[in-house]
Protein backbone atom coordinates (compact mmCIF):
# COMPACT_ATOMS: atom_id res chain seq x y z
CA MET A 1 104.62 -28.74 252.90
CA ALA A 2 105.98 -27.65 249.53
CA THR A 3 103.76 -28.44 246.60
CA GLN A 4 105.03 -29.83 243.29
CA GLU A 5 103.72 -28.56 239.99
CA ILE A 6 101.94 -31.20 237.91
CA GLY A 7 103.94 -32.46 234.92
CA LYS A 8 107.35 -31.40 236.22
CA PRO A 9 109.84 -33.86 237.74
CA ALA A 10 110.97 -33.38 241.26
CA VAL A 11 114.29 -31.59 241.58
CA ARG A 12 116.56 -31.73 244.58
CA ARG A 13 116.70 -28.14 245.71
CA ASP A 14 119.77 -28.76 247.86
CA ALA A 15 121.93 -29.74 244.84
CA PRO A 16 123.51 -26.73 243.12
CA GLU A 17 123.15 -26.37 239.37
CA ALA A 18 126.92 -26.60 238.82
CA SER A 19 127.05 -30.02 240.51
CA ARG A 20 124.22 -31.35 238.36
CA ARG A 21 125.98 -30.16 235.19
CA GLN A 22 129.25 -31.75 236.29
CA SER A 23 127.48 -35.04 236.95
CA ARG A 24 125.94 -34.98 233.48
CA ARG A 25 129.37 -34.33 231.92
CA ARG A 26 130.89 -37.23 233.83
CA GLY A 27 128.12 -39.45 232.55
CA GLU A 28 128.73 -38.36 228.96
CA LEU A 29 132.47 -39.07 229.29
CA ASN A 30 131.87 -42.46 230.90
CA GLU A 31 129.47 -43.42 228.12
CA GLY A 32 132.38 -43.15 225.63
CA GLY A 33 134.25 -45.98 227.30
CA LEU A 34 137.13 -47.27 225.18
CA ALA A 35 135.85 -45.75 221.94
CA PRO A 36 138.17 -42.68 221.95
CA TYR A 37 141.20 -44.87 222.61
CA LEU A 38 140.25 -47.26 219.82
CA PHE A 39 140.09 -44.37 217.35
CA VAL A 40 143.51 -43.10 218.44
CA ALA A 41 145.12 -46.55 218.62
CA PRO A 42 145.93 -46.99 214.89
CA TYR A 43 147.77 -43.68 214.80
CA LEU A 44 149.64 -44.45 218.02
CA VAL A 45 150.69 -47.88 216.71
CA LEU A 46 151.96 -46.43 213.41
CA PHE A 47 153.66 -43.52 215.18
CA THR A 48 155.40 -45.88 217.58
CA LEU A 49 156.57 -48.26 214.83
CA PHE A 50 157.70 -45.70 212.25
CA VAL A 51 158.67 -42.67 214.37
CA GLY A 52 159.11 -43.55 218.03
CA ILE A 53 161.22 -46.70 217.76
CA PRO A 54 163.39 -45.41 214.86
CA ALA A 55 164.04 -42.20 216.83
CA VAL A 56 165.18 -44.17 219.87
CA LEU A 57 167.41 -46.41 217.73
CA GLY A 58 168.78 -43.33 215.95
CA ILE A 59 169.80 -41.76 219.26
CA LYS A 60 171.47 -45.04 220.22
CA MET A 61 173.36 -45.22 216.92
CA SER A 62 174.55 -41.63 217.24
CA LEU A 63 176.38 -42.69 220.40
CA GLN A 64 178.09 -45.62 218.68
CA ASN A 65 180.68 -46.35 216.02
CA PHE A 66 177.94 -48.19 214.19
CA ASP A 67 178.68 -50.09 210.98
CA TYR A 68 175.65 -52.19 210.11
CA LEU A 69 177.83 -54.58 208.08
CA LEU A 70 180.16 -55.37 210.98
CA VAL A 71 178.23 -54.90 214.22
CA GLU A 72 176.90 -58.19 215.53
CA GLU A 73 175.55 -56.88 218.82
CA PRO A 74 171.80 -57.05 219.59
CA ILE A 75 169.81 -54.18 218.14
CA PHE A 76 169.29 -52.51 221.51
CA SER A 77 172.90 -52.98 222.67
CA ILE A 78 175.00 -49.81 223.03
CA ASP A 79 178.30 -51.48 222.00
CA PRO A 80 180.57 -50.33 220.47
CA PHE A 81 180.03 -47.17 222.53
CA ALA A 82 181.50 -43.88 221.27
CA GLY A 83 179.84 -41.35 223.57
CA LEU A 84 179.63 -37.86 222.09
CA ASP A 85 182.54 -38.38 219.69
CA ASN A 86 180.23 -38.36 216.65
CA TYR A 87 178.80 -35.00 217.70
CA GLN A 88 182.19 -33.53 218.60
CA ALA A 89 183.51 -34.48 215.14
CA LEU A 90 180.96 -32.14 213.57
CA PHE A 91 182.46 -29.17 215.46
CA ASP A 92 186.13 -30.16 215.15
CA SER A 93 187.78 -28.45 212.18
CA ASN A 94 190.35 -31.28 212.02
CA SER A 95 187.62 -33.89 211.59
CA ALA A 96 187.07 -35.61 208.24
CA TYR A 97 183.39 -34.75 208.43
CA TYR A 98 183.56 -31.13 209.55
CA SER A 99 183.98 -29.25 206.24
CA ASP A 100 181.72 -31.51 204.18
CA PHE A 101 178.92 -31.43 206.73
CA TRP A 102 178.84 -27.66 207.12
CA GLN A 103 179.13 -27.22 203.37
CA SER A 104 176.02 -29.38 203.02
CA MET A 105 174.29 -27.33 205.72
CA ARG A 106 175.17 -24.16 203.81
CA ALA A 107 173.70 -25.66 200.63
CA THR A 108 170.54 -26.58 202.53
CA LEU A 109 170.26 -23.08 203.97
CA LEU A 110 170.77 -21.49 200.56
CA PHE A 111 168.12 -23.68 198.95
CA THR A 112 165.70 -22.92 201.79
CA VAL A 113 166.26 -19.17 201.60
CA LEU A 114 165.79 -19.17 197.82
CA SER A 115 162.76 -21.47 197.63
CA VAL A 116 160.60 -20.70 200.68
CA PRO A 117 159.64 -17.08 199.80
CA LEU A 118 158.60 -18.18 196.31
CA LEU A 119 156.68 -21.18 197.63
CA VAL A 120 154.81 -18.96 200.09
CA VAL A 121 154.06 -15.89 197.95
CA ILE A 122 153.35 -17.33 194.48
CA PRO A 123 150.82 -19.97 195.69
CA LEU A 124 149.08 -17.24 197.70
CA PHE A 125 148.74 -15.11 194.56
CA LEU A 126 147.46 -18.10 192.58
CA ALA A 127 144.99 -19.03 195.31
CA THR A 128 143.48 -15.54 195.36
CA MET A 129 143.13 -15.69 191.57
CA LEU A 130 141.63 -19.19 191.55
CA ASN A 131 139.23 -18.24 194.33
CA GLN A 132 137.43 -15.87 191.95
CA LYS A 133 134.43 -17.02 189.94
CA PHE A 134 135.22 -17.59 186.26
CA LYS A 135 134.69 -20.29 183.67
CA GLY A 136 137.14 -23.17 183.85
CA ARG A 137 138.16 -22.43 187.43
CA THR A 138 138.11 -26.11 188.40
CA VAL A 139 140.24 -27.04 185.38
CA PHE A 140 142.90 -24.47 186.29
CA ARG A 141 142.93 -25.69 189.88
CA ALA A 142 143.55 -29.25 188.66
CA ILE A 143 146.30 -28.08 186.28
CA TYR A 144 148.23 -26.31 189.01
CA PHE A 145 147.88 -29.22 191.45
CA ALA A 146 148.60 -32.02 188.93
CA PRO A 147 152.46 -31.89 189.09
CA TYR A 148 152.38 -32.46 192.85
CA VAL A 149 151.04 -36.00 192.43
CA LEU A 150 154.15 -37.01 190.44
CA GLY A 151 157.09 -38.64 192.19
CA VAL A 152 160.44 -36.93 192.49
CA ALA A 153 162.03 -39.53 190.20
CA VAL A 154 159.58 -38.65 187.41
CA ILE A 155 160.22 -34.93 187.88
CA ALA A 156 164.00 -35.44 187.86
CA VAL A 157 164.03 -37.54 184.68
CA LEU A 158 161.71 -35.09 182.91
CA PHE A 159 163.78 -32.02 183.71
CA ARG A 160 167.12 -33.72 183.12
CA TYR A 161 165.90 -34.30 179.59
CA ILE A 162 164.76 -30.69 179.26
CA LEU A 163 167.79 -29.07 180.93
CA ASP A 164 170.65 -31.30 179.82
CA ASN A 165 173.69 -29.17 178.98
CA ASN A 166 174.25 -30.70 175.54
CA ILE A 167 171.05 -32.32 174.29
CA GLY A 168 168.43 -30.58 176.43
CA LEU A 169 165.35 -29.09 174.81
CA LEU A 170 165.80 -25.74 176.57
CA ASN A 171 169.32 -25.16 175.22
CA TYR A 172 168.16 -26.32 171.79
CA TYR A 173 165.47 -23.65 171.62
CA LEU A 174 167.77 -21.05 173.14
CA GLN A 175 170.13 -21.65 170.23
CA LYS A 176 167.22 -21.14 167.86
CA ILE A 177 166.74 -17.61 169.20
CA GLY A 178 170.43 -16.71 169.09
CA VAL A 179 171.99 -17.96 172.35
CA GLU A 180 175.02 -19.78 170.99
CA ASN A 181 176.68 -21.04 174.20
CA ASN A 182 174.95 -23.89 175.98
CA VAL A 183 173.92 -23.00 179.51
CA ALA A 184 175.13 -25.52 182.11
CA TRP A 185 171.81 -25.76 183.96
CA LEU A 186 172.85 -28.89 185.87
CA THR A 187 176.59 -28.50 186.41
CA ALA A 188 177.54 -24.85 187.02
CA GLU A 189 176.63 -22.08 189.42
CA PRO A 190 174.43 -20.10 189.63
CA TRP A 191 172.38 -22.03 187.05
CA VAL A 192 172.08 -25.14 189.23
CA TRP A 193 170.26 -23.09 191.87
CA PHE A 194 167.87 -21.69 189.27
CA THR A 195 167.24 -25.27 188.21
CA LEU A 196 166.68 -26.73 191.69
CA VAL A 197 164.50 -23.88 192.92
CA GLY A 198 162.55 -23.54 189.67
CA VAL A 199 161.81 -27.25 189.39
CA THR A 200 160.79 -27.46 193.05
CA LEU A 201 158.53 -24.44 192.64
CA TRP A 202 156.82 -25.90 189.56
CA TRP A 203 156.44 -29.28 191.25
CA THR A 204 155.12 -28.31 194.71
CA LEU A 205 153.35 -24.95 194.46
CA GLY A 206 150.03 -26.72 193.83
CA PHE A 207 149.98 -28.14 197.35
CA ASN A 208 150.36 -24.76 199.04
CA THR A 209 147.82 -23.29 196.62
CA VAL A 210 145.21 -25.84 197.72
CA ILE A 211 145.94 -25.09 201.39
CA TYR A 212 145.46 -21.37 200.76
CA LEU A 213 142.23 -22.03 198.84
CA ALA A 214 140.85 -23.97 201.80
CA GLY A 215 141.72 -21.04 204.08
CA LEU A 216 140.09 -18.51 201.74
CA GLN A 217 136.82 -20.43 201.91
CA ASP A 218 136.60 -19.65 205.64
CA ILE A 219 136.78 -15.87 205.15
CA GLY A 220 133.26 -14.43 205.08
CA LYS A 221 132.21 -12.82 201.80
CA GLU A 222 130.30 -10.18 203.74
CA LEU A 223 133.61 -8.74 204.90
CA TYR A 224 134.67 -8.10 201.30
CA GLU A 225 131.25 -6.70 200.46
CA ALA A 226 131.34 -4.29 203.39
CA ALA A 227 134.88 -3.19 202.52
CA THR A 228 133.84 -2.60 198.89
CA VAL A 229 130.93 -0.48 200.02
CA ASP A 230 133.32 1.55 202.17
CA GLY A 231 135.48 2.21 199.11
CA ALA A 232 138.38 -0.19 199.77
CA ASN A 233 140.22 -1.26 196.63
CA ARG A 234 141.65 -4.74 195.98
CA VAL A 235 144.97 -4.01 197.63
CA ARG A 236 143.32 -2.77 200.82
CA ARG A 237 140.90 -5.71 200.88
CA PHE A 238 143.80 -8.12 200.48
CA TRP A 239 145.93 -6.42 203.14
CA HIS A 240 143.21 -5.86 205.75
CA ILE A 241 140.91 -8.86 205.19
CA THR A 242 142.63 -11.66 203.28
CA LEU A 243 145.98 -11.68 205.10
CA PRO A 244 144.51 -11.43 208.64
CA GLY A 245 142.02 -14.16 207.76
CA LEU A 246 144.80 -16.39 206.45
CA ARG A 247 147.17 -15.81 209.36
CA PRO A 248 146.87 -19.34 210.85
CA VAL A 249 147.15 -20.84 207.36
CA LEU A 250 150.24 -18.74 206.63
CA VAL A 251 151.93 -20.01 209.80
CA PHE A 252 151.17 -23.58 208.76
CA VAL A 253 152.32 -23.12 205.16
CA ILE A 254 155.56 -21.37 206.13
CA THR A 255 156.39 -24.05 208.70
CA ILE A 256 155.83 -27.06 206.47
CA THR A 257 157.57 -25.34 203.53
CA VAL A 258 160.68 -24.58 205.56
CA LEU A 259 160.80 -28.13 206.92
CA ALA A 260 160.31 -29.64 203.46
CA SER A 261 162.99 -27.40 201.91
CA ALA A 262 165.45 -28.16 204.70
CA ASN A 263 164.94 -31.89 204.04
CA VAL A 264 165.38 -31.68 200.27
CA PHE A 265 167.10 -34.75 198.85
CA GLY A 266 165.60 -36.10 195.63
CA GLN A 267 166.13 -33.07 193.39
CA PRO A 268 169.88 -32.56 193.98
CA TYR A 269 170.53 -36.31 194.15
CA LEU A 270 168.80 -37.16 190.88
CA MET A 271 169.32 -33.95 188.90
CA THR A 272 172.68 -32.41 189.80
CA ALA A 273 174.37 -35.23 191.77
CA GLY A 274 175.73 -32.53 194.08
CA GLN A 275 177.53 -30.71 191.26
CA PRO A 276 179.46 -28.54 190.89
CA ALA A 277 182.08 -29.65 193.45
CA ASN A 278 179.39 -30.78 195.93
CA GLU A 279 177.96 -27.24 196.10
CA THR A 280 174.42 -28.59 195.75
CA ARG A 281 174.94 -31.58 198.05
CA THR A 282 172.38 -30.87 200.77
CA ALA A 283 172.45 -32.06 204.38
CA ILE A 284 170.11 -35.02 203.83
CA TYR A 285 172.11 -35.97 200.73
CA TYR A 286 175.37 -35.98 202.70
CA ILE A 287 173.79 -37.82 205.63
CA ALA A 288 172.59 -40.55 203.27
CA GLU A 289 176.05 -40.82 201.72
CA THR A 290 177.74 -41.05 205.12
CA GLY A 291 175.40 -43.71 206.41
CA LEU A 292 174.74 -45.82 203.32
CA ARG A 293 177.90 -45.45 201.22
CA GLN A 294 180.50 -44.99 203.93
CA TYR A 295 178.68 -47.41 206.27
CA ASN A 296 179.03 -45.01 209.21
CA MET A 297 175.50 -44.94 210.59
CA GLY A 298 176.66 -43.56 213.93
CA GLN A 299 178.09 -40.40 212.36
CA ALA A 300 175.10 -40.09 210.01
CA SER A 301 172.70 -40.35 212.96
CA ALA A 302 174.57 -37.58 214.79
CA MET A 303 174.30 -35.36 211.70
CA ALA A 304 170.60 -36.10 211.39
CA PHE A 305 169.88 -35.20 215.02
CA LEU A 306 171.91 -31.99 214.76
CA LEU A 307 169.87 -30.99 211.70
CA ALA A 308 166.67 -31.91 213.56
CA PHE A 309 167.81 -29.77 216.50
CA PHE A 310 168.23 -26.70 214.26
CA LEU A 311 164.81 -27.28 212.68
CA MET A 312 163.26 -27.65 216.12
CA ILE A 313 164.80 -24.36 217.24
CA PHE A 314 163.42 -22.65 214.13
CA SER A 315 159.93 -24.09 214.70
CA VAL A 316 159.79 -22.99 218.33
CA VAL A 317 161.08 -19.47 217.59
CA PHE A 318 158.76 -19.08 214.61
CA PHE A 319 155.69 -20.17 216.58
CA LEU A 320 156.57 -17.84 219.46
CA LEU A 321 157.01 -14.91 217.06
CA SER A 322 153.76 -15.69 215.24
CA ARG A 323 151.87 -15.95 218.54
CA ARG A 324 153.30 -12.63 219.69
CA PHE A 325 152.34 -11.07 216.36
CA ASN A 326 148.79 -12.42 216.72
CA ASP A 327 148.52 -11.01 220.23
């Protein structure tokens, strides 16, 4: 008869250790009950109300000749049905929407190409500087982040006053130093692009800087100390320690910056009004005009989903490339 040591509980020798561990895990999961679902429920409710249902209604509208002032059908009715006509109009050169839509897409692409590299590189440089120990570091961090808390309307009014072609402060001081001709910062190319990109950079770089700073905190200081002992200079430490350590943060920053730039609306709408000759009228700007001014929500919905499709393709390709680069 097998003896049992005093002070130790009896253990079933026929039950494997893996089974006992699995039973304990099941017990831990069952103890949670409805708690995990209750924590997720507020997000799911908000997501369904403000993302899920609008997306479904948007798809429905894109298949209709939808004028919200005239249509009296129930909200979930598909009448008046148009099929894929709204999408085909965006690829038909004889369509009234073809040239304007693709011009707005070109403006969006140009703004994205000009702004994203600056919004990725300059905040990274600032974050590495602000991550150093020096007096007033917290004050400088607050200064760089402060513009981001302002609304786009405030930014637009401020810079319209500064950059106005005739009475703007910038042209006034340029005349003081000998520049006689007023620069059309808000109405002529290429100055309008300098304006839109520069204002956006000043306004939003603080957000990306804070994200980079958070990522820099996770890089061990011992890595920099070891590299310094081995004789690595600042450039080598940045290239071989900082960038690899920030790789996931870089992927996140690039993705959200591209998506935000591709959805730009407030700056061109409030500052340049699409001038000159609608060259700065971006895709979201034109979609809003089509839906809200021309009352053609069906065509506007088709434009919005086509833009979303291109952004989805970019996101998938970018994530696949970044994963391959990490591997």
